């Protein structure tokens, strides 16, 4: 019985950690609150992530930006919405809808 309880505790603890890891140097992307001055606007990217936390959703977005293989190094969240997943018994309760504007800032 103790082993079952310990296994359950380990599963709960690991579920609370960040599930999405940085890929393709996405951890070097910088999020800013408004459009940076002196930077070149590159593109807009929409992303939808069903994950357990907002931090994981941002990590997912950063990975998507890094996948574009463009020179962008700064992004601004234009849209950041949380929608409850319906008919989900096991899995994330929320879905994060995000739109990011990506910039290339040579001075950073």
C-alpha atoms as a PDB file:
ATOM      1  CA  UNK A   1       0.000   0.000   0.000  1.00  0.00           C
ATOM      2  CA  UNK A   2       2.850   2.379   0.828  1.00  0.00           C
ATOM      3  CA  UNK A   3       4.398   1.762  -2.596  1.00  0.00           C
ATOM      4  CA  UNK A   4       1.146   2.675  -4.331  1.00  0.00           C
ATOM      5  CA  UNK A   5       0.856   5.894  -2.332  1.00  0.00           C
ATOM      6  CA  UNK A   6       4.493   6.803  -3.024  1.00  0.00           C
ATOM      7  CA  UNK A   7       4.014   6.107  -6.739  1.00  0.00           C
ATOM      8  CA  UNK A   8       0.959   8.369  -6.761  1.00  0.00           C
ATOM      9  CA  UNK A   9       2.886  11.151  -5.002  1.00  0.00           C
ATOM     10  CA  UNK A  10       5.753  10.915  -7.510  1.00  0.00           C
ATOM     11  CA  UNK A  11       3.276  11.092 -10.404  1.00  0.00           C
ATOM     12  CA  UNK A  12       1.634  14.189  -8.913  1.00  0.00           C
ATOM     13  CA  UNK A  13       4.968  15.900  -8.354  1.00  0.00           C
ATOM     14  CA  UNK A  14       6.206  15.224 -11.865  1.00  0.00           C
ATOM     15  CA  UNK A  15       2.922  16.435 -13.368  1.00  0.00           C
ATOM     16  CA  UNK A  16       3.501  19.844 -11.779  1.00  0.00           C
ATOM     17  CA  UNK A  17       6.878  20.357 -13.448  1.00  0.00           C
ATOM     18  CA  UNK A  18       7.281  22.067 -16.786  1.00  0.00           C
ATOM     19  CA  UNK A  19       6.535  19.533 -19.470  1.00  0.00           C
ATOM     20  CA  UNK A  20       7.745  21.506 -22.489  1.00  0.00           C
ATOM     21  CA  UNK A  21      11.490  21.832 -22.856  1.00  0.00           C
ATOM     22  CA  UNK A  22      13.283  24.476 -24.966  1.00  0.00           C
ATOM     23  CA  UNK A  23      14.250  23.404 -28.482  1.00  0.00           C
ATOM     24  CA  UNK A  24      16.330  25.053 -31.235  1.00  0.00           C
ATOM     25  CA  UNK A  25      17.664  27.737 -28.841  1.00  0.00           C
ATOM     26  CA  UNK A  26      14.131  28.936 -28.091  1.00  0.00           C
ATOM     27  CA  UNK A  27      15.239  29.794 -24.554  1.00  0.00           C
ATOM     28  CA  UNK A  28      17.188  32.730 -26.052  1.00  0.00           C
ATOM     29  CA  UNK A  29      13.980  34.425 -27.265  1.00  0.00           C
ATOM     30  CA  UNK A  30      13.010  37.506 -25.289  1.00  0.00           C
ATOM     31  CA  UNK A  31       9.411  38.417 -24.487  1.00  0.00           C
ATOM     32  CA  UNK A  32       8.639  42.144 -24.188  1.00  0.00           C
ATOM     33  CA  UNK A  33       5.412  43.923 -23.297  1.00  0.00           C
ATOM     34  CA  UNK A  34       5.212  46.276 -26.290  1.00  0.00           C
ATOM     35  CA  UNK A  35       6.712  46.674 -29.753  1.00  0.00           C
ATOM     36  CA  UNK A  36      10.460  47.305 -29.386  1.00  0.00           C
ATOM     37  CA  UNK A  37      11.859  50.497 -30.896  1.00  0.00           C
ATOM     38  CA  UNK A  38      14.498  50.164 -33.583  1.00  0.00           C
ATOM     39  CA  UNK A  39      13.630  46.557 -34.421  1.00  0.00           C
ATOM     40  CA  UNK A  40      12.392  45.013 -37.650  1.00  0.00           C
ATOM     41  CA  UNK A  41       8.954  43.394 -37.609  1.00  0.00           C
ATOM     42  CA  UNK A  42       9.149  39.939 -39.204  1.00  0.00           C
ATOM     43  CA  UNK A  43       5.849  38.084 -38.902  1.00  0.00           C
ATOM     44  CA  UNK A  44       2.858  37.171 -36.761  1.00  0.00           C
ATOM     45  CA  UNK A  45       2.423  33.650 -35.390  1.00  0.00           C
ATOM     46  CA  UNK A  46      -0.717  32.027 -33.957  1.00  0.00           C
ATOM     47  CA  UNK A  47      -0.371  29.164 -31.502  1.00  0.00           C
ATOM     48  CA  UNK A  48      -2.788  26.986 -29.583  1.00  0.00           C
ATOM     49  CA  UNK A  49      -1.531  24.851 -26.713  1.00  0.00           C
ATOM     50  CA  UNK A  50      -3.413  22.480 -24.421  1.00  0.00           C
ATOM     51  CA  UNK A  51      -0.946  22.328 -21.556  1.00  0.00           C
ATOM     52  CA  UNK A  52      -1.106  22.420 -17.778  1.00  0.00           C
ATOM     53  CA  UNK A  53       0.347  25.881 -17.165  1.00  0.00           C
ATOM     54  CA  UNK A  54       0.758  29.279 -18.774  1.00  0.00           C
ATOM     55  CA  UNK A  55       4.543  28.905 -18.535  1.00  0.00           C
ATOM     56  CA  UNK A  56       4.326  25.731 -20.625  1.00  0.00           C
ATOM     57  CA  UNK A  57       2.175  27.574 -23.165  1.00  0.00           C
ATOM     58  CA  UNK A  58       4.843  30.291 -23.460  1.00  0.00           C
ATOM     59  CA  UNK A  59       7.522  27.591 -23.866  1.00  0.00           C
ATOM     60  CA  UNK A  60       5.430  26.004 -26.611  1.00  0.00           C
ATOM     61  CA  UNK A  61       5.109  29.377 -28.360  1.00  0.00           C
ATOM     62  CA  UNK A  62       8.859  29.984 -28.114  1.00  0.00           C
ATOM     63  CA  UNK A  63       9.536  26.558 -29.637  1.00  0.00           C
ATOM     64  CA  UNK A  64       7.152  27.369 -32.502  1.00  0.00           C
ATOM     65  CA  UNK A  65       8.942  30.684 -33.130  1.00  0.00           C
ATOM     66  CA  UNK A  66      12.321  28.923 -33.109  1.00  0.00           C
ATOM     67  CA  UNK A  67      11.015  26.351 -35.622  1.00  0.00           C
ATOM     68  CA  UNK A  68      10.458  29.141 -38.150  1.00  0.00           C
ATOM     69  CA  UNK A  69      14.271  29.319 -38.597  1.00  0.00           C
ATOM     70  CA  UNK A  70      14.169  33.066 -39.103  1.00  0.00           C
ATOM     71  CA  UNK A  71      16.258  35.692 -37.369  1.00  0.00           C
ATOM     72  CA  UNK A  72      13.638  36.778 -34.833  1.00  0.00           C
ATOM     73  CA  UNK A  73      14.879  37.140 -31.286  1.00  0.00           C
ATOM     74  CA  UNK A  74      12.121  39.214 -29.620  1.00  0.00           C
ATOM     75  CA  UNK A  75       8.364  38.671 -29.446  1.00  0.00           C
ATOM     76  CA  UNK A  76       5.320  40.500 -28.135  1.00  0.00           C
ATOM     77  CA  UNK A  77       2.132  38.699 -27.137  1.00  0.00           C
ATOM     78  CA  UNK A  78      -0.688  40.310 -29.058  1.00  0.00           C
ATOM     79  CA  UNK A  79      -3.314  37.829 -27.850  1.00  0.00           C
ATOM     80  CA  UNK A  80      -3.145  35.661 -24.750  1.00  0.00           C
ATOM     81  CA  UNK A  81      -6.435  33.921 -23.983  1.00  0.00           C
ATOM     82  CA  UNK A  82      -7.293  30.992 -21.764  1.00  0.00           C
ATOM     83  CA  UNK A  83     -10.216  28.787 -22.803  1.00  0.00           C
ATOM     84  CA  UNK A  84     -11.525  25.881 -20.792  1.00  0.00           C
ATOM     85  CA  UNK A  85     -11.244  22.530 -22.573  1.00  0.00           C
ATOM     86  CA  UNK A  86     -14.623  20.851 -22.784  1.00  0.00           C
ATOM     87  CA  UNK A  87     -15.170  17.136 -22.555  1.00  0.00           C
ATOM     88  CA  UNK A  88     -11.700  16.491 -21.184  1.00  0.00           C
ATOM     89  CA  UNK A  89     -11.578  13.927 -18.423  1.00  0.00           C
ATOM     90  CA  UNK A  90      -7.831  13.328 -18.300  1.00  0.00           C
ATOM     91  CA  UNK A  91      -5.542  16.072 -19.476  1.00  0.00           C
ATOM     92  CA  UNK A  92      -5.141  19.828 -19.314  1.00  0.00           C
ATOM     93  CA  UNK A  93      -8.150  21.765 -18.094  1.00  0.00           C
ATOM     94  CA  UNK A  94      -7.316  24.812 -20.218  1.00  0.00           C
ATOM     95  CA  UNK A  95      -6.246  25.636 -23.746  1.00  0.00           C
ATOM     96  CA  UNK A  96      -4.086  28.719 -24.338  1.00  0.00           C
ATOM     97  CA  UNK A  97      -4.648  30.744 -27.505  1.00  0.00           C
ATOM     98  CA  UNK A  98      -1.782  33.073 -28.318  1.00  0.00           C
ATOM     99  CA  UNK A  99      -0.735  35.381 -31.113  1.00  0.00           C
ATOM    100  CA  UNK A 100       2.812  36.731 -31.120  1.00  0.00           C
ATOM    101  CA  UNK A 101       4.446  39.427 -33.232  1.00  0.00           C
ATOM    102  CA  UNK A 102       8.071  38.489 -33.836  1.00  0.00           C
ATOM    103  CA  UNK A 103      10.844  41.059 -34.285  1.00  0.00           C
ATOM    104  CA  UNK A 104      14.511  41.009 -35.191  1.00  0.00           C
ATOM    105  CA  UNK A 105      16.437  43.292 -32.866  1.00  0.00           C
ATOM    106  CA  UNK A 106      20.088  43.638 -33.781  1.00  0.00           C
ATOM    107  CA  UNK A 107      20.884  45.656 -30.641  1.00  0.00           C
ATOM    108  CA  UNK A 108      20.018  42.798 -28.231  1.00  0.00           C
END
